[in-house]
Amino acid sequence: MAKFKASMLVGMLPKLISLVQSGVQHYGSLRAAGLEVSPEIVAAYLDGHAAEWNPEVQGKAVLDDDTKTAGCRFLGGLACNLGEILGAGA
């Protein structure tokens, strides 16, 4: 079995950061419009942005659709929490 190295994930970081930034911006836009925002709403938005993203490690895809959706839910929650902390949309 191959040994896991954290460096295998480095190539995914720019997209993950971009998704969080997009999520915070979306959170802020919705809040500025006076709407209630949940992590699920932001996650659905991010899922659309990640639809064509297919990262690979050692030439093999590492995200199936269910894992990508779960990841977007995690990032959606993170984006909502950051948006709240940063006062996005206030």
N, C-alpha and C. Protein backbone atom coordinates (compact mmCIF):
# COMPACT_ATOMS: atom_id res chain seq x y z
N MET A 1 0.84 -1.18 0.00
CA MET A 1 0.00 0.00 0.00
C MET A 1 0.88 1.25 0.00
N ALA A 2 0.53 2.21 -0.84
CA ALA A 2 1.29 3.46 -0.92
C ALA A 2 1.10 4.28 0.35
N LYS A 3 2.12 5.00 0.71
CA LYS A 3 2.06 5.83 1.90
C LYS A 3 1.42 7.18 1.57
N PHE A 4 0.49 7.60 2.43
CA PHE A 4 -0.16 8.91 2.25
C PHE A 4 0.81 10.01 2.64
N LYS A 5 0.86 11.04 1.80
CA LYS A 5 1.68 12.23 2.08
C LYS A 5 0.77 13.45 1.94
N ALA A 6 0.84 14.36 2.89
CA ALA A 6 0.02 15.57 2.85
C ALA A 6 0.25 16.34 1.55
N SER A 7 1.44 16.24 1.01
CA SER A 7 1.75 16.97 -0.23
C SER A 7 0.88 16.51 -1.40
N MET A 8 0.27 15.34 -1.29
CA MET A 8 -0.62 14.86 -2.35
C MET A 8 -1.85 15.76 -2.52
N LEU A 9 -2.19 16.50 -1.47
CA LEU A 9 -3.39 17.33 -1.49
C LEU A 9 -3.13 18.80 -1.82
N VAL A 10 -1.86 19.16 -1.91
CA VAL A 10 -1.50 20.56 -2.14
C VAL A 10 -2.15 21.13 -3.40
N GLY A 11 -2.25 20.34 -4.44
CA GLY A 11 -2.85 20.82 -5.68
C GLY A 11 -4.33 21.14 -5.56
N MET A 12 -4.99 20.61 -4.54
CA MET A 12 -6.41 20.88 -4.33
C MET A 12 -6.65 22.18 -3.56
N LEU A 13 -5.66 22.66 -2.85
CA LEU A 13 -5.84 23.81 -1.97
C LEU A 13 -6.33 25.07 -2.67
N PRO A 14 -5.78 25.46 -3.82
CA PRO A 14 -6.28 26.68 -4.45
C PRO A 14 -7.78 26.63 -4.75
N LYS A 15 -8.28 25.50 -5.21
CA LYS A 15 -9.71 25.38 -5.50
C LYS A 15 -10.53 25.41 -4.21
N LEU A 16 -10.06 24.74 -3.17
CA LEU A 16 -10.77 24.76 -1.90
C LEU A 16 -10.86 26.17 -1.34
N ILE A 17 -9.76 26.91 -1.42
CA ILE A 17 -9.76 28.30 -0.95
C ILE A 17 -10.70 29.14 -1.80
N SER A 18 -10.68 28.94 -3.10
CA SER A 18 -11.57 29.67 -3.99
C SER A 18 -13.04 29.39 -3.67
N LEU A 19 -13.35 28.14 -3.37
CA LEU A 19 -14.73 27.78 -3.01
C LEU A 19 -15.16 28.47 -1.72
N VAL A 20 -14.28 28.50 -0.72
CA VAL A 20 -14.62 29.18 0.53
C VAL A 20 -14.83 30.67 0.28
N GLN A 21 -13.96 31.29 -0.51
CA GLN A 21 -14.12 32.71 -0.83
C GLN A 21 -15.45 32.96 -1.54
N SER A 22 -15.78 32.12 -2.50
CA SER A 22 -17.06 32.26 -3.21
C SER A 22 -18.23 32.09 -2.25
N GLY A 23 -18.10 31.13 -1.34
CA GLY A 23 -19.16 30.90 -0.36
C GLY A 23 -19.37 32.08 0.56
N VAL A 24 -18.29 32.69 1.03
CA VAL A 24 -18.40 33.87 1.90
C VAL A 24 -19.05 35.02 1.13
N GLN A 25 -18.64 35.21 -0.13
CA GLN A 25 -19.23 36.27 -0.95
C GLN A 25 -20.72 36.03 -1.18
N HIS A 26 -21.09 34.78 -1.45
CA HIS A 26 -22.50 34.44 -1.67
C HIS A 26 -23.30 34.66 -0.38
N TYR A 27 -22.74 34.25 0.73
CA TYR A 27 -23.36 34.48 2.03
C TYR A 27 -23.62 35.98 2.22
N GLY A 28 -22.59 36.78 1.96
CA GLY A 28 -22.73 38.23 2.12
C GLY A 28 -23.77 38.83 1.19
N SER A 29 -23.82 38.37 -0.04
CA SER A 29 -24.81 38.87 -1.00
C SER A 29 -26.23 38.55 -0.55
N LEU A 30 -26.43 37.35 -0.08
CA LEU A 30 -27.76 36.95 0.38
C LEU A 30 -28.17 37.71 1.63
N ARG A 31 -27.24 37.86 2.56
CA ARG A 31 -27.54 38.61 3.79
C ARG A 31 -27.82 40.08 3.48
N ALA A 32 -27.07 40.66 2.55
CA ALA A 32 -27.28 42.06 2.17
C ALA A 32 -28.66 42.24 1.54
N ALA A 33 -29.17 41.20 0.92
CA ALA A 33 -30.51 41.25 0.32
C ALA A 33 -31.59 40.98 1.36
N GLY A 34 -31.19 40.78 2.61
CA GLY A 34 -32.14 40.56 3.69
C GLY A 34 -32.63 39.13 3.83
N LEU A 35 -31.94 38.21 3.20
CA LEU A 35 -32.35 36.80 3.23
C LEU A 35 -31.67 36.05 4.37
N GLU A 36 -32.35 35.04 4.87
CA GLU A 36 -31.75 34.13 5.83
C GLU A 36 -30.84 33.17 5.05
N VAL A 37 -29.71 32.86 5.60
CA VAL A 37 -28.75 32.01 4.90
C VAL A 37 -28.40 30.83 5.80
N SER A 38 -28.38 29.65 5.20
CA SER A 38 -27.99 28.45 5.93
C SER A 38 -26.79 27.81 5.22
N PRO A 39 -26.07 26.95 5.93
CA PRO A 39 -24.97 26.25 5.27
C PRO A 39 -25.45 25.43 4.06
N GLU A 40 -26.67 24.90 4.12
CA GLU A 40 -27.19 24.12 3.01
C GLU A 40 -27.38 24.98 1.76
N ILE A 41 -27.82 26.22 1.94
CA ILE A 41 -28.00 27.12 0.80
C ILE A 41 -26.65 27.43 0.16
N VAL A 42 -25.67 27.74 0.99
CA VAL A 42 -24.33 28.04 0.47
C VAL A 42 -23.72 26.78 -0.15
N ALA A 43 -23.97 25.63 0.47
CA ALA A 43 -23.44 24.36 -0.06
C ALA A 43 -24.00 24.07 -1.45
N ALA A 44 -25.28 24.33 -1.66
CA ALA A 44 -25.89 24.10 -2.98
C ALA A 44 -25.24 25.01 -4.01
N TYR A 45 -24.98 26.25 -3.63
CA TYR A 45 -24.29 27.19 -4.51
C TYR A 45 -22.88 26.68 -4.85
N LEU A 46 -22.16 26.23 -3.83
CA LEU A 46 -20.80 25.73 -4.05
C LEU A 46 -20.79 24.45 -4.86
N ASP A 47 -21.79 23.61 -4.67
CA ASP A 47 -21.87 22.36 -5.42
C ASP A 47 -21.91 22.65 -6.92
N GLY A 48 -22.61 23.72 -7.30
CA GLY A 48 -22.63 24.13 -8.70
C GLY A 48 -21.26 24.58 -9.19
N HIS A 49 -20.53 25.27 -8.32
CA HIS A 49 -19.18 25.74 -8.68
C HIS A 49 -18.15 24.61 -8.72
N ALA A 50 -18.43 23.54 -8.03
CA ALA A 50 -17.49 22.42 -7.98
C ALA A 50 -17.88 21.28 -8.93
N ALA A 51 -18.96 21.46 -9.66
CA ALA A 51 -19.49 20.37 -10.49
C ALA A 51 -18.46 19.81 -11.47
N GLU A 52 -17.68 20.66 -12.09
CA GLU A 52 -16.71 20.22 -13.10
C GLU A 52 -15.32 19.99 -12.53
N TRP A 53 -15.19 20.15 -11.22
CA TRP A 53 -13.88 19.98 -10.57
C TRP A 53 -13.66 18.50 -10.27
N ASN A 54 -12.60 17.94 -10.78
CA ASN A 54 -12.29 16.52 -10.59
C ASN A 54 -10.81 16.35 -10.24
N PRO A 55 -10.45 16.68 -9.00
CA PRO A 55 -9.04 16.57 -8.62
C PRO A 55 -8.57 15.12 -8.64
N GLU A 56 -7.30 14.98 -8.88
CA GLU A 56 -6.70 13.65 -8.95
C GLU A 56 -5.47 13.57 -8.05
N VAL A 57 -5.22 12.39 -7.56
CA VAL A 57 -4.00 12.07 -6.83
C VAL A 57 -3.42 10.84 -7.51
N GLN A 58 -2.20 10.94 -7.90
CA GLN A 58 -1.51 9.86 -8.63
C GLN A 58 -2.33 9.42 -9.84
N GLY A 59 -2.92 10.41 -10.51
CA GLY A 59 -3.64 10.13 -11.74
C GLY A 59 -5.03 9.55 -11.58
N LYS A 60 -5.54 9.48 -10.35
CA LYS A 60 -6.86 8.91 -10.11
C LYS A 60 -7.75 9.92 -9.40
N ALA A 61 -9.02 9.97 -9.83
CA ALA A 61 -9.99 10.88 -9.23
C ALA A 61 -10.16 10.56 -7.74
N VAL A 62 -10.25 11.60 -6.92
CA VAL A 62 -10.39 11.40 -5.48
C VAL A 62 -11.76 11.83 -4.95
N LEU A 63 -12.59 12.43 -5.80
CA LEU A 63 -13.92 12.86 -5.36
C LEU A 63 -15.01 12.22 -6.21
N ASP A 64 -15.85 11.41 -5.58
CA ASP A 64 -17.05 10.97 -6.27
C ASP A 64 -18.14 12.01 -5.96
N ASP A 65 -19.30 11.88 -6.57
CA ASP A 65 -20.35 12.89 -6.40
C ASP A 65 -20.78 13.06 -4.95
N ASP A 66 -20.94 11.96 -4.22
CA ASP A 66 -21.36 12.05 -2.82
C ASP A 66 -20.32 12.74 -1.95
N THR A 67 -19.06 12.43 -2.19
CA THR A 67 -17.98 13.05 -1.42
C THR A 67 -17.87 14.53 -1.75
N LYS A 68 -18.04 14.88 -3.01
CA LYS A 68 -18.00 16.29 -3.41
C LYS A 68 -19.14 17.06 -2.75
N THR A 69 -20.33 16.48 -2.72
CA THR A 69 -21.48 17.13 -2.09
C THR A 69 -21.24 17.30 -0.59
N ALA A 70 -20.71 16.27 0.06
CA ALA A 70 -20.40 16.37 1.48
C ALA A 70 -19.34 17.43 1.75
N GLY A 71 -18.34 17.50 0.88
CA GLY A 71 -17.30 18.52 1.01
C GLY A 71 -17.87 19.92 0.86
N CYS A 72 -18.79 20.09 -0.07
CA CYS A 72 -19.42 21.40 -0.27
C CYS A 72 -20.26 21.79 0.94
N ARG A 73 -20.87 20.80 1.60
CA ARG A 73 -21.63 21.10 2.82
C ARG A 73 -20.68 21.57 3.91
N PHE A 74 -19.54 20.92 4.04
CA PHE A 74 -18.53 21.34 5.01
C PHE A 74 -18.06 22.76 4.70
N LEU A 75 -17.72 23.01 3.44
CA LEU A 75 -17.25 24.34 3.04
C LEU A 75 -18.36 25.39 3.18
N GLY A 76 -19.60 24.99 2.93
CA GLY A 76 -20.73 25.91 3.11
C GLY A 76 -20.87 26.33 4.56
N GLY A 77 -20.71 25.39 5.47
CA GLY A 77 -20.75 25.73 6.90
C GLY A 77 -19.60 26.64 7.29
N LEU A 78 -18.43 26.34 6.78
CA LEU A 78 -17.26 27.17 7.04
C LEU A 78 -17.48 28.59 6.51
N ALA A 79 -18.00 28.69 5.29
CA ALA A 79 -18.24 30.00 4.67
C ALA A 79 -19.27 30.80 5.47
N CYS A 80 -20.33 30.14 5.95
CA CYS A 80 -21.33 30.84 6.76
C CYS A 80 -20.73 31.34 8.07
N ASN A 81 -19.94 30.50 8.72
CA ASN A 81 -19.31 30.91 9.97
C ASN A 81 -18.34 32.07 9.75
N LEU A 82 -17.55 31.99 8.68
CA LEU A 82 -16.63 33.09 8.38
C LEU A 82 -17.40 34.36 8.02
N GLY A 83 -18.46 34.20 7.24
CA GLY A 83 -19.27 35.35 6.87
C GLY A 83 -19.85 36.04 8.07
N GLU A 84 -20.30 35.26 9.03
CA GLU A 84 -20.83 35.83 10.28
C GLU A 84 -19.75 36.55 11.05
N ILE A 85 -18.59 35.92 11.19
CA ILE A 85 -17.47 36.53 11.92
C ILE A 85 -17.01 37.82 11.26
N LEU A 86 -16.94 37.79 9.92
CA LEU A 86 -16.44 38.95 9.18
C LEU A 86 -17.49 40.01 8.93
N GLY A 87 -18.73 39.72 9.28
CA GLY A 87 -19.81 40.69 9.07
C GLY A 87 -20.18 40.84 7.61
N ALA A 88 -20.02 39.79 6.84
CA ALA A 88 -20.36 39.86 5.42
C ALA A 88 -21.84 40.11 5.24
N GLY A 89 -22.15 41.08 4.41
CA GLY A 89 -23.54 41.41 4.11
C GLY A 89 -24.17 42.36 5.11
N ALA A 90 -23.39 42.81 6.09
CA ALA A 90 -23.94 43.71 7.10
C ALA A 90 -24.04 45.13 6.60
